[in-house]
Amino acid sequence: MIDTQNFINRQEIIDTARMLKDKHVRYSLGAKAVPPAIPKELDCSGFVRYCYLAAGIAVPDGSWHQWHVSEPIDKSQLKIADLGFLYDPNKNSEINHIGLYLGAGKWIHCSYSAKGVTVDDGKVFKYFRRFINLSRVPEKHLDTSPNPPKWMITVTEKEKQYAVDSIHVLADLGYILNPSVHIKNLYDSPENWAQWVVLANMAKEFGKKQS
């Protein structure tokens, strides 16, 4: 394994995370941004990716992908800017959640429940990991575009299938009509796959059919 940790500016990553908190960046599923543009909204994996991009480090979008380009570490090995995950995606079909280690037992993450970037204690995450085989970001990609370059967006067939199944769940519950139209839209914009899974989970939890 190639050791690429030596060019990570961990403090810069954490300084960016704190800046986004100070800017009151809100949580929004599927929201992404590329530095130096300062976003109004991000989701959890978009928050992690933005902070690493600001330090000139390329990491993929999506918590599933971030899990699979990282390796497990023991809690005692944690350094600032390491990763915390709520679920193991290989064992749990729920949407994962990811944050950055802030130090002193604290984590910073973009949280749906907190409605934005927040700091929490060490109980929020169960799995600890560190990115491996990192590469630098070409400067030309760090522009003011609010959307990530296409080369950074990778959606697996498994993720798209989660979304398709979720669309069918929502249709069965009566929340949406014409699921085939939504499935077509999904394949046109696969980066939005996670929102369908979240919506289906919420619909099943509340158990109410829209009138």
Protein backbone atom coordinates (compact mmCIF):
# COMPACT_ATOMS: atom_id res chain seq x y z
CA MET A 1 0.00 0.00 0.00
CA ILE A 2 1.32 3.44 -0.95
CA ASP A 3 1.57 5.80 2.00
CA THR A 4 0.02 9.08 0.88
CA GLN A 5 -0.68 10.45 4.34
CA ASN A 6 2.39 12.69 4.30
CA PHE A 7 0.80 15.33 2.08
CA ILE A 8 -2.46 15.62 4.01
CA ASN A 9 -2.84 18.93 5.82
CA ARG A 10 -5.16 17.66 8.54
CA GLN A 11 -5.42 21.02 10.26
CA GLU A 12 -6.55 22.67 7.03
CA ILE A 13 -9.28 20.05 6.66
CA ILE A 14 -10.53 20.73 10.18
CA ASP A 15 -10.24 24.51 9.76
CA THR A 16 -12.49 24.20 6.69
CA ALA A 17 -14.98 22.09 8.64
CA ARG A 18 -15.13 24.72 11.40
CA MET A 19 -15.54 27.47 8.79
CA LEU A 20 -18.56 25.68 7.32
CA LYS A 21 -20.07 25.45 10.81
CA ASP A 22 -19.42 29.17 11.38
CA LYS A 23 -21.11 29.88 8.03
CA HIS A 24 -24.18 27.95 9.27
CA VAL A 25 -24.13 25.53 6.36
CA ARG A 26 -27.39 23.58 6.41
CA TYR A 27 -28.01 19.91 5.74
CA SER A 28 -29.67 18.98 2.46
CA LEU A 29 -29.69 15.46 1.03
CA GLY A 30 -27.65 15.31 -2.16
CA ALA A 31 -26.21 18.83 -1.79
CA LYS A 32 -22.61 19.15 -3.02
CA ALA A 33 -20.12 21.95 -3.60
CA VAL A 34 -16.57 22.51 -4.78
CA PRO A 35 -14.15 24.99 -3.14
CA PRO A 36 -13.61 27.90 -3.12
CA ALA A 37 -17.37 28.46 -3.47
CA ILE A 38 -18.88 28.45 0.04
CA PRO A 39 -22.09 26.42 -0.01
CA LYS A 40 -25.33 27.12 1.78
CA GLU A 41 -26.15 23.41 1.96
CA LEU A 42 -24.30 20.07 1.99
CA ASP A 43 -25.04 16.49 2.90
CA CYS A 44 -22.77 14.44 5.16
CA SER A 45 -20.52 12.92 2.50
CA GLY A 46 -20.50 16.18 0.54
CA PHE A 47 -19.27 17.91 3.70
CA VAL A 48 -16.37 15.46 4.10
CA ARG A 49 -15.46 15.69 0.43
CA TYR A 50 -15.58 19.51 0.47
CA CYS A 51 -13.24 19.69 3.48
CA TYR A 52 -10.70 17.38 1.85
CA LEU A 53 -10.98 19.21 -1.49
CA ALA A 54 -10.24 22.49 0.29
CA ALA A 55 -6.96 20.91 1.43
CA GLY A 56 -6.23 19.82 -2.15
CA ILE A 57 -7.06 16.14 -1.63
CA ALA A 58 -9.35 14.21 -3.98
CA VAL A 59 -11.83 11.84 -2.34
CA PRO A 60 -15.00 10.41 -3.86
CA ASP A 61 -18.51 11.51 -3.03
CA GLY A 62 -20.97 9.28 -1.19
CA SER A 63 -20.52 7.57 2.18
CA TRP A 64 -20.49 4.11 0.55
CA HIS A 65 -17.58 5.12 -1.68
CA GLN A 66 -15.81 6.88 1.17
CA TRP A 67 -16.04 3.70 3.23
CA HIS A 68 -14.55 1.62 0.42
CA VAL A 69 -11.55 3.91 -0.19
CA SER A 70 -10.67 3.94 3.50
CA GLU A 71 -9.35 1.37 5.96
CA PRO A 72 -10.38 0.58 9.53
CA ILE A 73 -8.43 2.02 12.41
CA ASP A 74 -8.70 1.58 16.15
CA LYS A 75 -10.27 4.36 18.16
CA SER A 76 -6.91 4.88 19.88
CA GLN A 77 -5.32 5.63 16.48
CA LEU A 78 -7.66 8.49 15.59
CA LYS A 79 -6.10 11.69 14.25
CA ILE A 80 -7.95 14.88 13.39
CA ALA A 81 -9.71 14.62 10.00
CA ASP A 82 -10.07 10.83 10.26
CA LEU A 83 -13.49 9.38 9.50
CA GLY A 84 -16.37 8.16 11.62
CA PHE A 85 -19.22 6.07 10.22
CA LEU A 86 -22.55 5.25 11.79
CA TYR A 87 -23.06 1.95 9.93
CA ASP A 88 -20.99 -0.68 8.19
CA PRO A 89 -22.49 -0.61 4.66
CA ASN A 90 -21.46 -4.22 4.10
CA LYS A 91 -23.72 -5.33 6.96
CA ASN A 92 -26.49 -2.74 7.05
CA SER A 93 -28.71 -1.51 4.22
CA GLU A 94 -29.53 1.75 5.98
CA ILE A 95 -28.17 5.04 4.67
CA ASN A 96 -24.80 5.61 6.24
CA HIS A 97 -23.63 8.76 7.95
CA ILE A 98 -20.08 10.09 8.05
CA GLY A 99 -18.16 12.75 9.97
CA LEU A 100 -14.66 14.03 10.69
CA TYR A 101 -12.73 13.57 13.91
CA LEU A 102 -12.20 16.95 15.54
CA GLY A 103 -9.93 15.80 18.34
CA ALA A 104 -10.47 15.54 22.10
CA GLY A 105 -13.23 12.98 21.57
CA LYS A 106 -15.33 15.33 19.42
CA TRP A 107 -16.71 14.94 15.89
CA ILE A 108 -17.84 17.48 13.33
CA HIS A 109 -20.39 16.46 10.71
CA CYS A 110 -23.27 17.71 8.60
CA SER A 111 -26.30 16.25 10.29
CA TYR A 112 -29.89 15.83 9.18
CA SER A 113 -31.13 15.84 12.79
CA ALA A 114 -29.13 18.96 13.66
CA LYS A 115 -30.15 20.59 10.35
CA GLY A 116 -26.56 21.47 9.50
CA VAL A 117 -22.90 21.28 10.46
CA THR A 118 -22.58 20.44 14.13
CA VAL A 119 -20.10 19.19 16.75
CA ASP A 120 -20.91 16.09 18.80
CA ASP A 121 -19.26 13.81 21.30
CA GLY A 122 -17.68 10.45 20.54
CA LYS A 123 -20.88 8.44 20.86
CA VAL A 124 -22.27 9.51 17.49
CA PHE A 125 -20.07 7.20 15.36
CA LYS A 126 -19.34 3.48 15.75
CA TYR A 127 -16.72 2.77 13.06
CA PHE A 128 -13.41 4.58 12.60
CA ARG A 129 -11.54 4.73 9.29
CA ARG A 130 -8.82 6.57 7.39
CA PHE A 131 -8.60 7.37 3.67
CA ILE A 132 -5.93 5.45 1.74
CA ASN A 133 -4.15 5.90 -1.60
CA LEU A 134 -5.04 9.56 -1.80
CA SER A 135 -4.26 11.86 -4.72
CA ARG A 136 -4.05 15.59 -5.18
CA VAL A 137 -6.82 17.56 -6.88
CA PRO A 138 -5.94 19.23 -10.20
CA GLU A 139 -6.24 22.97 -9.58
CA LYS A 140 -8.50 23.43 -12.61
CA HIS A 141 -11.22 21.46 -10.81
CA LEU A 142 -11.31 23.80 -7.82
CA ASP A 143 -13.51 26.47 -9.36
CA THR A 144 -16.64 28.29 -8.26
CA SER A 145 -19.08 25.76 -9.71
CA PRO A 146 -21.74 24.73 -7.16
CA ASN A 147 -21.72 21.19 -8.55
CA PRO A 148 -18.95 18.60 -8.36
CA PRO A 149 -17.10 17.77 -11.58
CA LYS A 150 -18.48 14.65 -13.25
CA TRP A 151 -15.20 12.82 -12.66
CA MET A 152 -15.89 12.92 -8.91
CA ILE A 153 -19.39 11.40 -9.09
CA THR A 154 -19.57 7.61 -9.07
CA VAL A 155 -22.82 5.78 -8.45
CA THR A 156 -22.81 1.99 -8.35
CA GLU A 157 -25.48 -0.29 -9.76
CA LYS A 158 -26.16 -1.41 -6.18
CA GLU A 159 -26.95 2.17 -5.14
CA LYS A 160 -29.20 2.70 -8.14
CA GLN A 161 -31.03 -0.53 -7.30
CA TYR A 162 -31.58 0.73 -3.73
CA ALA A 163 -33.20 3.80 -5.27
CA VAL A 164 -35.35 1.84 -7.72
CA ASP A 165 -36.60 -0.41 -4.90
CA SER A 166 -37.36 2.69 -2.83
CA ILE A 167 -39.34 4.28 -5.66
CA HIS A 168 -41.48 1.14 -5.83
CA VAL A 169 -42.00 1.27 -2.04
CA LEU A 170 -43.20 4.88 -2.30
CA ALA A 171 -45.52 3.95 -5.14
CA ASP A 172 -46.96 1.01 -3.19
CA LEU A 173 -47.60 3.32 -0.23
CA GLY A 174 -49.34 5.82 -2.48
CA TYR A 175 -46.83 8.62 -2.07
CA ILE A 176 -45.97 8.85 -5.77
CA LEU A 177 -47.63 8.02 -9.06
CA ASN A 178 -45.99 6.74 -12.24
CA PRO A 179 -42.87 5.16 -10.70
CA SER A 180 -41.48 4.49 -14.18
CA VAL A 181 -41.12 8.25 -14.73
CA HIS A 182 -39.17 8.63 -11.50
CA ILE A 183 -36.96 5.64 -12.36
CA LYS A 184 -36.15 7.26 -15.72
CA ASN A 185 -35.27 10.51 -13.91
CA LEU A 186 -33.10 8.52 -11.51
CA TYR A 187 -31.04 7.08 -14.34
CA ASP A 188 -30.73 10.54 -15.88
CA SER A 189 -29.43 11.92 -12.55
CA PRO A 190 -28.07 8.91 -10.59
CA GLU A 191 -26.23 11.13 -8.08
CA ASN A 192 -29.63 11.74 -6.46
CA TRP A 193 -30.12 8.05 -5.62
CA ALA A 194 -29.87 8.47 -1.83
CA GLN A 195 -32.83 10.82 -1.52
CA TRP A 196 -35.18 8.06 -2.70
CA VAL A 197 -33.94 5.67 -0.02
CA VAL A 198 -34.35 8.29 2.70
CA LEU A 199 -37.87 9.16 1.50
CA ALA A 200 -38.88 5.49 1.46
CA ASN A 201 -37.46 4.92 4.95
CA MET A 202 -39.36 7.95 6.25
CA ALA A 203 -42.58 6.83 4.55
CA LYS A 204 -42.32 3.36 6.07
CA GLU A 205 -41.55 4.81 9.50
CA PHE A 206 -44.47 7.23 9.58
CA GLY A 207 -46.74 4.72 7.84
CA LYS A 208 -49.18 7.30 6.55
CA LYS A 209 -50.49 7.36 3.03
CA GLN A 210 -50.72 10.78 1.45
CA SER A 211 -54.23 11.84 0.55
